[in-house]
PDB file of N, CA and C in Angstrom:
ATOM      1  N   MET A   1     -36.624  13.867  54.280  1.00  0.00           N
ATOM      2  CA  MET A   1     -36.551  15.096  53.832  1.00  0.00           C
ATOM      3  C   MET A   1     -36.971  15.306  52.394  1.00  0.00           C
ATOM      4  N   ALA A   2     -37.873  15.982  51.949  1.00  0.00           N
ATOM      5  CA  ALA A   2     -38.168  16.092  50.596  1.00  0.00           C
ATOM      6  C   ALA A   2     -37.230  17.050  49.848  1.00  0.00           C
ATOM      7  N   LYS A   3     -37.287  16.766  48.374  1.00  0.00           N
ATOM      8  CA  LYS A   3     -36.570  17.568  47.633  1.00  0.00           C
ATOM      9  C   LYS A   3     -37.219  18.724  47.100  1.00  0.00           C
ATOM     10  N   ASN A   4     -36.745  19.947  46.937  1.00  0.00           N
ATOM     11  CA  ASN A   4     -37.394  20.942  46.217  1.00  0.00           C
ATOM     12  C   ASN A   4     -37.416  20.778  44.736  1.00  0.00           C
ATOM     13  N   GLN A   5     -38.104  21.672  43.928  1.00  0.00           N
ATOM     14  CA  GLN A   5     -38.056  21.524  42.628  1.00  0.00           C
ATOM     15  C   GLN A   5     -36.683  21.487  42.013  1.00  0.00           C
ATOM     16  N   LEU A   6     -35.744  22.239  42.432  1.00  0.00           N
ATOM     17  CA  LEU A   6     -34.554  22.113  41.855  1.00  0.00           C
ATOM     18  C   LEU A   6     -33.663  20.996  42.236  1.00  0.00           C
ATOM     19  N   GLY A   7     -33.921  20.081  43.204  1.00  0.00           N
ATOM     20  CA  GLY A   7     -33.208  19.044  43.623  1.00  0.00           C
ATOM     21  C   GLY A   7     -32.342  19.550  44.739  1.00  0.00           C
ATOM     22  N   THR A   8     -31.376  18.576  45.133  1.00  0.00           N
ATOM     23  CA  THR A   8     -30.447  18.850  46.164  1.00  0.00           C
ATOM     24  C   THR A   8     -29.505  19.861  45.768  1.00  0.00           C
ATOM     25  N   SER A   9     -28.761  20.470  46.606  1.00  0.00           N
ATOM     26  CA  SER A   9     -27.789  21.483  46.327  1.00  0.00           C
ATOM     27  C   SER A   9     -26.428  20.828  45.579  1.00  0.00           C
ATOM     28  N   GLU A  10     -26.276  19.509  45.830  1.00  0.00           N
ATOM     29  CA  GLU A  10     -25.195  18.938  44.969  1.00  0.00           C
ATOM     30  C   GLU A  10     -25.728  18.613  43.573  1.00  0.00           C
ATOM     31  N   GLU A  11     -26.992  18.338  43.301  1.00  0.00           N
ATOM     32  CA  GLU A  11     -27.572  18.294  42.021  1.00  0.00           C
ATOM     33  C   GLU A  11     -27.396  19.676  41.238  1.00  0.00           C
ATOM     34  N   THR A  12     -27.948  20.659  42.029  1.00  0.00           N
ATOM     35  CA  THR A  12     -27.852  21.927  41.465  1.00  0.00           C
ATOM     36  C   THR A  12     -26.414  22.318  41.002  1.00  0.00           C
ATOM     37  N   LYS A  13     -25.480  22.186  41.850  1.00  0.00           N
ATOM     38  CA  LYS A  13     -23.985  22.364  41.627  1.00  0.00           C
ATOM     39  C   LYS A  13     -23.633  21.672  40.364  1.00  0.00           C
ATOM     40  N   LYS A  14     -23.893  20.375  40.247  1.00  0.00           N
ATOM     41  CA  LYS A  14     -23.579  19.625  39.091  1.00  0.00           C
ATOM     42  C   LYS A  14     -24.228  20.135  37.801  1.00  0.00           C
ATOM     43  N   ARG A  15     -25.386  20.567  37.827  1.00  0.00           N
ATOM     44  CA  ARG A  15     -26.040  20.997  36.804  1.00  0.00           C
ATOM     45  C   ARG A  15     -25.393  22.470  36.290  1.00  0.00           C
ATOM     46  N   MET A  16     -25.038  23.355  37.212  1.00  0.00           N
ATOM     47  CA  MET A  16     -24.269  24.594  37.009  1.00  0.00           C
ATOM     48  C   MET A  16     -23.041  24.338  36.616  1.00  0.00           C
ATOM     49  N   ASP A  17     -22.290  23.417  36.972  1.00  0.00           N
ATOM     50  CA  ASP A  17     -20.920  23.010  36.529  1.00  0.00           C
ATOM     51  C   ASP A  17     -20.973  22.548  34.924  1.00  0.00           C
ATOM     52  N   ALA A  18     -21.978  21.584  34.792  1.00  0.00           N
ATOM     53  CA  ALA A  18     -22.195  21.301  33.304  1.00  0.00           C
ATOM     54  C   ALA A  18     -22.480  22.281  32.297  1.00  0.00           C
ATOM     55  N   ALA A  19     -23.537  23.239  32.805  1.00  0.00           N
ATOM     56  CA  ALA A  19     -23.857  24.461  31.892  1.00  0.00           C
ATOM     57  C   ALA A  19     -22.718  25.244  31.668  1.00  0.00           C
ATOM     58  N   LYS A  20     -21.809  25.461  32.875  1.00  0.00           N
ATOM     59  CA  LYS A  20     -20.665  26.380  32.626  1.00  0.00           C
ATOM     60  C   LYS A  20     -19.671  25.625  31.477  1.00  0.00           C
ATOM     61  N   ALA A  21     -19.519  24.334  31.734  1.00  0.00           N
ATOM     62  CA  ALA A  21     -18.694  23.678  30.838  1.00  0.00           C
ATOM     63  C   ALA A  21     -19.271  23.640  29.479  1.00  0.00           C
ATOM     64  N   ALA A  22     -20.478  23.554  29.183  1.00  0.00           N
ATOM     65  CA  ALA A  22     -21.087  23.639  27.979  1.00  0.00           C
ATOM     66  C   ALA A  22     -20.845  25.021  27.279  1.00  0.00           C
ATOM     67  N   GLU A  23     -21.221  26.151  28.179  1.00  0.00           N
ATOM     68  CA  GLU A  23     -20.943  27.389  27.590  1.00  0.00           C
ATOM     69  C   GLU A  23     -19.471  27.706  27.241  1.00  0.00           C
ATOM     70  N   GLY A  24     -18.495  27.065  27.888  1.00  0.00           N
ATOM     71  CA  GLY A  24     -17.219  27.177  27.542  1.00  0.00           C
ATOM     72  C   GLY A  24     -16.876  26.395  26.229  1.00  0.00           C
ATOM     73  N   LEU A  25     -17.376  25.376  25.998  1.00  0.00           N
ATOM     74  CA  LEU A  25     -17.132  24.718  24.755  1.00  0.00           C
ATOM     75  C   LEU A  25     -17.716  25.348  23.557  1.00  0.00           C
ATOM     76  N   LYS A  26     -19.008  26.021  23.880  1.00  0.00           N
ATOM     77  CA  LYS A  26     -19.637  26.914  22.843  1.00  0.00           C
ATOM     78  C   LYS A  26     -18.819  27.940  22.400  1.00  0.00           C
ATOM     79  N   LYS A  27     -18.217  28.747  23.342  1.00  0.00           N
ATOM     80  CA  LYS A  27     -17.444  29.737  23.122  1.00  0.00           C
ATOM     81  C   LYS A  27     -16.089  29.477  22.310  1.00  0.00           C
ATOM     82  N   GLU A  28     -15.609  28.340  22.799  1.00  0.00           N
ATOM     83  CA  GLU A  28     -14.395  27.880  22.234  1.00  0.00           C
ATOM     84  C   GLU A  28     -14.578  27.471  20.734  1.00  0.00           C
ATOM     85  N   ALA A  29     -15.764  26.730  20.485  1.00  0.00           N
ATOM     86  CA  ALA A  29     -16.194  26.383  19.042  1.00  0.00           C
ATOM     87  C   ALA A  29     -16.461  27.558  18.166  1.00  0.00           C
ATOM     88  N   THR A  30     -16.956  28.671  18.765  1.00  0.00           N
ATOM     89  CA  THR A  30     -17.171  29.732  18.000  1.00  0.00           C
ATOM     90  C   THR A  30     -16.265  30.857  17.954  1.00  0.00           C
ATOM     91  N   GLY A  31     -15.146  30.703  18.681  1.00  0.00           N
ATOM     92  CA  GLY A  31     -14.076  31.634  18.765  1.00  0.00           C
ATOM     93  C   GLY A  31     -14.383  32.831  19.523  1.00  0.00           C
ATOM     94  N   GLU A  32     -15.177  32.735  20.540  1.00  0.00           N
ATOM     95  CA  GLU A  32     -15.634  33.835  21.526  1.00  0.00           C
ATOM     96  C   GLU A  32     -14.671  33.732  22.809  1.00  0.00           C
ATOM     97  N   VAL A  33     -13.882  32.860  22.815  1.00  0.00           N
ATOM     98  CA  VAL A  33     -13.005  32.661  23.982  1.00  0.00           C
ATOM     99  C   VAL A  33     -12.223  33.990  24.125  1.00  0.00           C
ATOM    100  N   ILE A  34     -12.230  34.440  25.168  1.00  0.00           N
ATOM    101  CA  ILE A  34     -11.311  35.512  25.413  1.00  0.00           C
ATOM    102  C   ILE A  34     -10.043  35.028  26.478  1.00  0.00           C
ATOM    103  N   GLU A  35      -8.918  35.122  25.964  1.00  0.00           N
ATOM    104  CA  GLU A  35      -7.874  34.605  26.705  1.00  0.00           C
ATOM    105  C   GLU A  35      -7.572  35.644  27.968  1.00  0.00           C
ATOM    106  N   PRO A  36      -7.290  35.043  29.081  1.00  0.00           N
ATOM    107  CA  PRO A  36      -6.685  36.005  30.145  1.00  0.00           C
ATOM    108  C   PRO A  36      -5.461  36.447  29.884  1.00  0.00           C
ATOM    109  N   ILE A  37      -5.162  37.395  30.642  1.00  0.00           N
ATOM    110  CA  ILE A  37      -3.769  37.897  30.550  1.00  0.00           C
ATOM    111  C   ILE A  37      -2.944  37.429  31.784  1.00  0.00           C
ATOM    112  N   ASP A  38      -1.559  37.433  31.552  1.00  0.00           N
ATOM    113  CA  ASP A  38      -0.708  37.085  32.715  1.00  0.00           C
ATOM    114  C   ASP A  38      -0.053  38.397  33.169  1.00  0.00           C
ATOM    115  N   LEU A  39      -0.500  38.887  34.604  1.00  0.00           N
ATOM    116  CA  LEU A  39      -0.172  40.114  35.056  1.00  0.00           C
ATOM    117  C   LEU A  39       1.101  39.793  36.167  1.00  0.00           C
ATOM    118  N   THR A  40       2.120  40.353  36.070  1.00  0.00           N
ATOM    119  CA  THR A  40       3.284  40.157  37.067  1.00  0.00           C
ATOM    120  C   THR A  40       3.338  41.440  37.929  1.00  0.00           C
ATOM    121  N   VAL A  41       3.019  41.183  39.291  1.00  0.00           N
ATOM    122  CA  VAL A  41       3.276  42.262  40.263  1.00  0.00           C
ATOM    123  C   VAL A  41       4.322  41.751  41.394  1.00  0.00           C
ATOM    124  N   GLU A  42       4.806  42.795  42.187  1.00  0.00           N
ATOM    125  CA  GLU A  42       5.510  42.365  43.230  1.00  0.00           C
ATOM    126  C   GLU A  42       4.649  42.309  44.496  1.00  0.00           C
ATOM    127  N   VAL A  43       4.875  41.256  45.177  1.00  0.00           N
ATOM    128  CA  VAL A  43       4.232  40.905  46.417  1.00  0.00           C
ATOM    129  C   VAL A  43       5.086  40.403  47.385  1.00  0.00           C
ATOM    130  N   GLN A  44       5.201  41.510  48.367  1.00  0.00           N
ATOM    131  CA  GLN A  44       6.202  41.119  49.515  1.00  0.00           C
ATOM    132  C   GLN A  44       7.622  40.950  48.841  1.00  0.00           C
ATOM    133  N   GLY A  45       7.973  41.684  48.008  1.00  0.00           N
ATOM    134  CA  GLY A  45       9.242  41.601  47.454  1.00  0.00           C
ATOM    135  C   GLY A  45       9.513  40.617  46.479  1.00  0.00           C
ATOM    136  N   GLU A  46       8.481  39.880  46.130  1.00  0.00           N
ATOM    137  CA  GLU A  46       8.572  38.610  45.149  1.00  0.00           C
ATOM    138  C   GLU A  46       7.746  39.050  44.031  1.00  0.00           C
ATOM    139  N   ASP A  47       8.246  38.742  42.743  1.00  0.00           N
ATOM    140  CA  ASP A  47       7.296  38.770  41.600  1.00  0.00           C
ATOM    141  C   ASP A  47       6.449  37.636  41.485  1.00  0.00           C
ATOM    142  N   MET A  48       5.169  37.913  41.474  1.00  0.00           N
ATOM    143  CA  MET A  48       4.262  36.889  41.199  1.00  0.00           C
ATOM    144  C   MET A  48       3.467  37.233  39.920  1.00  0.00           C
ATOM    145  N   THR A  49       3.004  36.249  39.237  1.00  0.00           N
ATOM    146  CA  THR A  49       2.231  36.257  37.986  1.00  0.00           C
ATOM    147  C   THR A  49       0.907  35.741  38.118  1.00  0.00           C
ATOM    148  N   PHE A  50      -0.022  36.485  37.760  1.00  0.00           N
ATOM    149  CA  PHE A  50      -1.389  35.988  38.026  1.00  0.00           C
ATOM    150  C   PHE A  50      -2.051  36.000  36.600  1.00  0.00           C
ATOM    151  N   SER A  51      -3.023  34.970  36.399  1.00  0.00           N
ATOM    152  CA  SER A  51      -3.844  35.037  35.118  1.00  0.00           C
ATOM    153  C   SER A  51      -5.159  35.579  35.532  1.00  0.00           C
ATOM    154  N   VAL A  52      -5.491  36.741  34.838  1.00  0.00           N
ATOM    155  CA  VAL A  52      -6.720  37.572  35.033  1.00  0.00           C
ATOM    156  C   VAL A  52      -7.388  37.896  33.900  1.00  0.00           C
ATOM    157  N   PRO A  53      -8.522  38.382  33.898  1.00  0.00           N
ATOM    158  CA  PRO A  53      -9.457  38.758  32.667  1.00  0.00           C
ATOM    159  C   PRO A  53      -8.611  39.981  31.889  1.00  0.00           C
ATOM    160  N   GLY A  54      -8.465  39.927  30.730  1.00  0.00           N
ATOM    161  CA  GLY A  54      -7.915  41.005  30.059  1.00  0.00           C
ATOM    162  C   GLY A  54      -8.690  42.359  29.896  1.00  0.00           C
ATOM    163  N   SER A  55      -9.856  42.390  30.333  1.00  0.00           N
ATOM    164  CA  SER A  55     -10.807  43.550  30.340  1.00  0.00           C
ATOM    165  C   SER A  55     -11.778  43.517  31.321  1.00  0.00           C
ATOM    166  N   ILE A  56     -12.329  44.602  31.630  1.00  0.00           N
ATOM    167  CA  ILE A  56     -13.416  44.627  32.808  1.00  0.00           C
ATOM    168  C   ILE A  56     -14.577  43.889  32.175  1.00  0.00           C
ATOM    169  N   GLU A  57     -14.826  43.893  30.945  1.00  0.00           N
ATOM    170  CA  GLU A  57     -15.970  43.263  30.346  1.00  0.00           C
ATOM    171  C   GLU A  57     -15.791  41.730  30.191  1.00  0.00           C
ATOM    172  N   ASP A  58     -14.689  41.116  30.434  1.00  0.00           N
ATOM    173  CA  ASP A  58     -14.405  39.901  30.669  1.00  0.00           C
ATOM    174  C   ASP A  58     -14.501  39.224  31.988  1.00  0.00           C
ATOM    175  N   ALA A  59     -14.458  40.198  33.017  1.00  0.00           N
ATOM    176  CA  ALA A  59     -14.534  39.912  34.383  1.00  0.00           C
ATOM    177  C   ALA A  59     -15.846  39.267  34.682  1.00  0.00           C
ATOM    178  N   PRO A  60     -15.788  38.468  35.825  1.00  0.00           N
ATOM    179  CA  PRO A  60     -17.127  38.030  36.464  1.00  0.00           C
ATOM    180  C   PRO A  60     -18.136  39.319  36.715  1.00  0.00           C
ATOM    181  N   ALA A  61     -19.285  39.146  36.440  1.00  0.00           N
ATOM    182  CA  ALA A  61     -20.332  40.335  36.715  1.00  0.00           C
ATOM    183  C   ALA A  61     -20.185  40.732  38.046  1.00  0.00           C
ATOM    184  N   ASP A  62     -19.917  39.839  39.134  1.00  0.00           N
ATOM    185  CA  ASP A  62     -19.839  40.123  40.445  1.00  0.00           C
ATOM    186  C   ASP A  62     -18.965  41.229  40.649  1.00  0.00           C
ATOM    187  N   VAL A  63     -17.892  41.448  39.898  1.00  0.00           N
ATOM    188  CA  VAL A  63     -16.849  42.455  40.059  1.00  0.00           C
ATOM    189  C   VAL A  63     -17.599  43.816  40.044  1.00  0.00           C
ATOM    190  N   ILE A  64     -18.440  43.995  38.951  1.00  0.00           N
ATOM    191  CA  ILE A  64     -18.962  45.343  38.885  1.00  0.00           C
ATOM    192  C   ILE A  64     -20.079  45.601  39.969  1.00  0.00           C
ATOM    193  N   PHE A  65     -20.736  44.517  40.416  1.00  0.00           N
ATOM    194  CA  PHE A  65     -21.659  44.758  41.559  1.00  0.00           C
ATOM    195  C   PHE A  65     -21.012  45.052  42.833  1.00  0.00           C
ATOM    196  N   TYR A  66     -19.888  44.336  43.132  1.00  0.00           N
ATOM    197  CA  TYR A  66     -19.144  44.826  44.273  1.00  0.00           C
ATOM    198  C   TYR A  66     -18.508  46.302  44.215  1.00  0.00           C
ATOM    199  N   MET A  67     -18.123  46.541  43.111  1.00  0.00           N
ATOM    200  CA  MET A  67     -17.675  47.869  43.105  1.00  0.00           C
ATOM    201  C   MET A  67     -18.738  48.983  43.120  1.00  0.00           C
ATOM    202  N   GLU A  68     -20.010  48.694  42.695  1.00  0.00           N
ATOM    203  CA  GLU A  68     -21.150  49.595  42.824  1.00  0.00           C
ATOM    204  C   GLU A  68     -21.565  49.605  44.383  1.00  0.00           C
ATOM    205  N   ASP A  69     -21.300  48.473  45.010  1.00  0.00           N
ATOM    206  CA  ASP A  69     -21.724  48.517  46.396  1.00  0.00           C
ATOM    207  C   ASP A  69     -20.488  49.073  47.256  1.00  0.00           C
ATOM    208  N   GLU A  70     -19.511  49.455  46.632  1.00  0.00           N
ATOM    209  CA  GLU A  70     -18.219  49.999  47.437  1.00  0.00           C
ATOM    210  C   GLU A  70     -17.697  49.004  48.311  1.00  0.00           C
ATOM    211  N   LYS A  71     -17.568  47.820  47.736  1.00  0.00           N
ATOM    212  CA  LYS A  71     -16.762  46.597  48.360  1.00  0.00           C
ATOM    213  C   LYS A  71     -15.464  46.305  47.469  1.00  0.00           C
ATOM    214  N   PRO A  72     -14.604  47.068  47.560  1.00  0.00           N
ATOM    215  CA  PRO A  72     -13.415  46.862  46.590  1.00  0.00           C
ATOM    216  C   PRO A  72     -12.593  45.556  47.022  1.00  0.00           C
ATOM    217  N   MET A  73     -12.582  45.157  48.223  1.00  0.00           N
ATOM    218  CA  MET A  73     -11.827  43.714  48.328  1.00  0.00           C
ATOM    219  C   MET A  73     -12.539  42.634  47.865  1.00  0.00           C
ATOM    220  N   LYS A  74     -13.958  42.802  47.942  1.00  0.00           N
ATOM    221  CA  LYS A  74     -14.614  41.482  47.356  1.00  0.00           C
ATOM    222  C   LYS A  74     -14.588  41.713  45.774  1.00  0.00           C
ATOM    223  N   ALA A  75     -14.587  42.847  45.265  1.00  0.00           N
ATOM    224  CA  ALA A  75     -14.546  42.936  43.887  1.00  0.00           C
ATOM    225  C   ALA A  75     -13.059  42.406  43.414  1.00  0.00           C
ATOM    226  N   PHE A  76     -12.060  42.682  44.069  1.00  0.00           N
ATOM    227  CA  PHE A  76     -10.644  42.416  43.932  1.00  0.00           C
ATOM    228  C   PHE A  76     -10.796  40.769  43.976  1.00  0.00           C
ATOM    229  N   ARG A  77     -11.168  40.266  45.199  1.00  0.00           N
ATOM    230  CA  ARG A  77     -11.144  38.903  45.237  1.00  0.00           C
ATOM    231  C   ARG A  77     -11.799  37.928  44.070  1.00  0.00           C
ATOM    232  N   THR A  78     -13.080  38.621  43.654  1.00  0.00           N
ATOM    233  CA  THR A  78     -13.668  38.007  42.556  1.00  0.00           C
ATOM    234  C   THR A  78     -13.046  38.063  41.278  1.00  0.00           C
ATOM    235  N   LEU A  79     -12.315  39.251  40.933  1.00  0.00           N
ATOM    236  CA  LEU A  79     -11.579  39.436  39.915  1.00  0.00           C
ATOM    237  C   LEU A  79     -10.257  38.385  39.756  1.00  0.00           C
ATOM    238  N   LEU A  80      -9.640  38.280  40.869  1.00  0.00           N
ATOM    239  CA  LEU A  80      -8.500  37.539  40.967  1.00  0.00           C
ATOM    240  C   LEU A  80      -8.904  35.942  40.951  1.00  0.00           C
ATOM    241  N   GLY A  81     -10.042  35.519  41.446  1.00  0.00           N
ATOM    242  CA  GLY A  81     -10.423  34.352  41.675  1.00  0.00           C
ATOM    243  C   GLY A  81      -9.850  33.618  42.840  1.00  0.00           C
ATOM    244  N   GLU A  82     -10.603  32.663  43.418  1.00  0.00           N
ATOM    245  CA  GLU A  82     -10.264  32.154  44.756  1.00  0.00           C
ATOM    246  C   GLU A  82      -8.894  31.423  44.753  1.00  0.00           C
ATOM    247  N   ASP A  83      -8.383  30.765  43.923  1.00  0.00           N
ATOM    248  CA  ASP A  83      -7.026  30.008  43.958  1.00  0.00           C
ATOM    249  C   ASP A  83      -5.932  31.065  43.931  1.00  0.00           C
ATOM    250  N   GLU A  84      -6.167  32.223  43.133  1.00  0.00           N
ATOM    251  CA  GLU A  84      -5.030  33.213  43.008  1.00  0.00           C
ATOM    252  C   GLU A  84      -4.996  34.216  44.084  1.00  0.00           C
ATOM    253  N   PHE A  85      -6.176  34.387  44.708  1.00  0.00           N
ATOM    254  CA  PHE A  85      -6.354  35.119  45.891  1.00  0.00           C
ATOM    255  C   PHE A  85      -5.660  34.384  47.094  1.00  0.00           C
ATOM    256  N   ARG A  86      -6.016  33.076  47.218  1.00  0.00           N
ATOM    257  CA  ARG A  86      -5.282  32.377  48.205  1.00  0.00           C
ATOM    258  C   ARG A  86      -3.698  32.399  48.277  1.00  0.00           C
ATOM    259  N   ARG A  87      -3.409  32.244  46.946  1.00  0.00           N
ATOM    260  CA  ARG A  87      -1.974  32.158  46.716  1.00  0.00           C
ATOM    261  C   ARG A  87      -1.258  33.480  47.069  1.00  0.00           C
ATOM    262  N   MET A  88      -2.010  34.573  46.828  1.00  0.00           N
ATOM    263  CA  MET A  88      -1.405  35.958  47.239  1.00  0.00           C
ATOM    264  C   MET A  88      -1.417  36.177  48.586  1.00  0.00           C
ATOM    265  N   ARG A  89      -2.409  35.756  49.175  1.00  0.00           N
ATOM    266  CA  ARG A  89      -2.499  35.701  50.676  1.00  0.00           C
ATOM    267  C   ARG A  89      -1.621  34.945  51.362  1.00  0.00           C
ATOM    268  N   ALA A  90      -1.255  33.729  50.829  1.00  0.00           N
ATOM    269  CA  ALA A  90      -0.265  32.730  51.512  1.00  0.00           C
ATOM    270  C   ALA A  90       1.175  33.505  51.648  1.00  0.00           C
ATOM    271  N   VAL A  91       1.468  34.278  50.881  1.00  0.00           N
ATOM    272  CA  VAL A  91       2.874  34.831  50.961  1.00  0.00           C
ATOM    273  C   VAL A  91       2.752  36.038  51.814  1.00  0.00           C
ATOM    274  N   GLY A  92       1.605  36.422  52.432  1.00  0.00           N
ATOM    275  CA  GLY A  92       1.598  37.615  53.366  1.00  0.00           C
ATOM    276  C   GLY A  92       1.250  39.083  52.703  1.00  0.00           C
ATOM    277  N   ALA A  93       0.438  38.845  51.555  1.00  0.00           N
ATOM    278  CA  ALA A  93       0.074  40.155  50.881  1.00  0.00           C
ATOM    279  C   ALA A  93      -0.470  41.093  51.854  1.00  0.00           C
ATOM    280  N   THR A  94      -0.131  42.526  51.639  1.00  0.00           N
ATOM    281  CA  THR A  94      -0.865  43.575  52.468  1.00  0.00           C
ATOM    282  C   THR A  94      -1.605  44.409  51.622  1.00  0.00           C
ATOM    283  N   VAL A  95      -2.291  45.209  52.088  1.00  0.00           N
ATOM    284  CA  VAL A  95      -3.246  46.083  51.370  1.00  0.00           C
ATOM    285  C   VAL A  95      -2.563  46.808  50.306  1.00  0.00           C
ATOM    286  N   ARG A  96      -1.039  47.340  50.583  1.00  0.00           N
ATOM    287  CA  ARG A  96      -0.279  47.853  49.542  1.00  0.00           C
ATOM    288  C   ARG A  96      -0.116  46.984  48.279  1.00  0.00           C
ATOM    289  N   ASP A  97       0.090  45.695  48.459  1.00  0.00           N
ATOM    290  CA  ASP A  97       0.251  44.608  47.491  1.00  0.00           C
ATOM    291  C   ASP A  97      -0.969  44.532  46.622  1.00  0.00           C
ATOM    292  N   PHE A  98      -2.248  44.399  47.321  1.00  0.00           N
ATOM    293  CA  PHE A  98      -3.344  44.535  46.662  1.00  0.00           C
ATOM    294  C   PHE A  98      -3.549  45.753  45.793  1.00  0.00           C
ATOM    295  N   THR A  99      -3.400  46.800  46.364  1.00  0.00           N
ATOM    296  CA  THR A  99      -3.411  48.128  45.645  1.00  0.00           C
ATOM    297  C   THR A  99      -2.676  48.132  44.499  1.00  0.00           C
ATOM    298  N   ARG A 100      -1.269  47.656  44.653  1.00  0.00           N
ATOM    299  CA  ARG A 100      -0.349  47.504  43.493  1.00  0.00           C
ATOM    300  C   ARG A 100      -0.893  46.584  42.375  1.00  0.00           C
ATOM    301  N   PHE A 101      -1.522  45.701  42.736  1.00  0.00           N
ATOM    302  CA  PHE A 101      -2.062  44.702  41.603  1.00  0.00           C
ATOM    303  C   PHE A 101      -3.211  45.432  40.987  1.00  0.00           C
ATOM    304  N   ILE A 102      -4.242  45.946  41.603  1.00  0.00           N
ATOM    305  CA  ILE A 102      -5.145  46.741  40.960  1.00  0.00           C
ATOM    306  C   ILE A 102      -4.661  47.738  40.092  1.00  0.00           C
ATOM    307  N   GLU A 103      -3.655  48.560  40.543  1.00  0.00           N
ATOM    308  CA  GLU A 103      -3.010  49.714  39.643  1.00  0.00           C
ATOM    309  C   GLU A 103      -2.442  49.052  38.459  1.00  0.00           C
ATOM    310  N   ALA A 104      -1.760  47.922  38.567  1.00  0.00           N
ATOM    311  CA  ALA A 104      -1.097  47.422  37.408  1.00  0.00           C
ATOM    312  C   ALA A 104      -2.146  46.901  36.334  1.00  0.00           C
ATOM    313  N   TRP A 105      -3.140  46.141  36.809  1.00  0.00           N
ATOM    314  CA  TRP A 105      -4.344  45.677  36.178  1.00  0.00           C
ATOM    315  C   TRP A 105      -5.163  46.733  35.366  1.00  0.00           C
ATOM    316  N   THR A 106      -5.417  47.816  36.071  1.00  0.00           N
ATOM    317  CA  THR A 106      -6.122  48.927  35.416  1.00  0.00           C
ATOM    318  C   THR A 106      -5.161  49.582  34.193  1.00  0.00           C
ATOM    319  N   GLU A 107      -3.824  49.738  34.618  1.00  0.00           N
ATOM    320  CA  GLU A 107      -2.983  50.191  33.626  1.00  0.00           C
ATOM    321  C   GLU A 107      -3.031  49.196  32.496  1.00  0.00           C
ATOM    322  N   GLU A 108      -2.748  48.059  32.630  1.00  0.00           N
ATOM    323  CA  GLU A 108      -2.707  46.954  31.574  1.00  0.00           C
ATOM    324  C   GLU A 108      -4.133  46.905  30.809  1.00  0.00           C
ATOM    325  N   THR A 109      -5.114  47.034  31.350  1.00  0.00           N
ATOM    326  CA  THR A 109      -6.371  46.792  30.461  1.00  0.00           C
ATOM    327  C   THR A 109      -6.875  48.109  30.137  1.00  0.00           C
ATOM    328  N   GLY A 110      -6.153  49.352  30.218  1.00  0.00           N
ATOM    329  CA  GLY A 110      -6.650  50.488  29.829  1.00  0.00           C
ATOM    330  C   GLY A 110      -7.811  51.295  30.658  1.00  0.00           C
ATOM    331  N   LEU A 111      -8.210  50.801  31.834  1.00  0.00           N
ATOM    332  CA  LEU A 111      -9.137  51.452  32.617  1.00  0.00           C
ATOM    333  C   LEU A 111      -8.732  52.620  33.180  1.00  0.00           C
ATOM    334  N   GLY A 112      -7.606  52.966  33.550  1.00  0.00           N
ATOM    335  CA  GLY A 112      -6.992  54.077  34.176  1.00  0.00           C
ATOM    336  C   GLY A 112      -6.898  55.471  33.106  1.00  0.00           C
ATOM    337  N   LYS A 113      -7.335  55.257  31.962  1.00  0.00           N
ATOM    338  CA  LYS A 113      -7.186  56.212  30.882  1.00  0.00           C
ATOM    339  C   LYS A 113      -8.503  56.918  31.086  1.00  0.00           C
TER     340      LYS A 113
END
């Protein structure tokens, strides 16, 4: 099987990871690092704290694309990140819990104003 110009998908992933790491180091060195915020919301009667972007500008760009495409759950999942999303689902989160999270995040970041 011949490789394409970019190499195998594993090589591409390694390059992308290296580029992300380099970008992170650059931002840290120049003081551009935006710290996430800790947001505590009630999920199934239990307070859970999540580390999330402190503003929409600091969220992954896909969040906006999903919002424009009217795919709120994909936007939410991207905003929260896969690990935090799995943690929330593991305790049996409902749509109400997801909504409560989004309301708290928009209030905390000033988007609801």
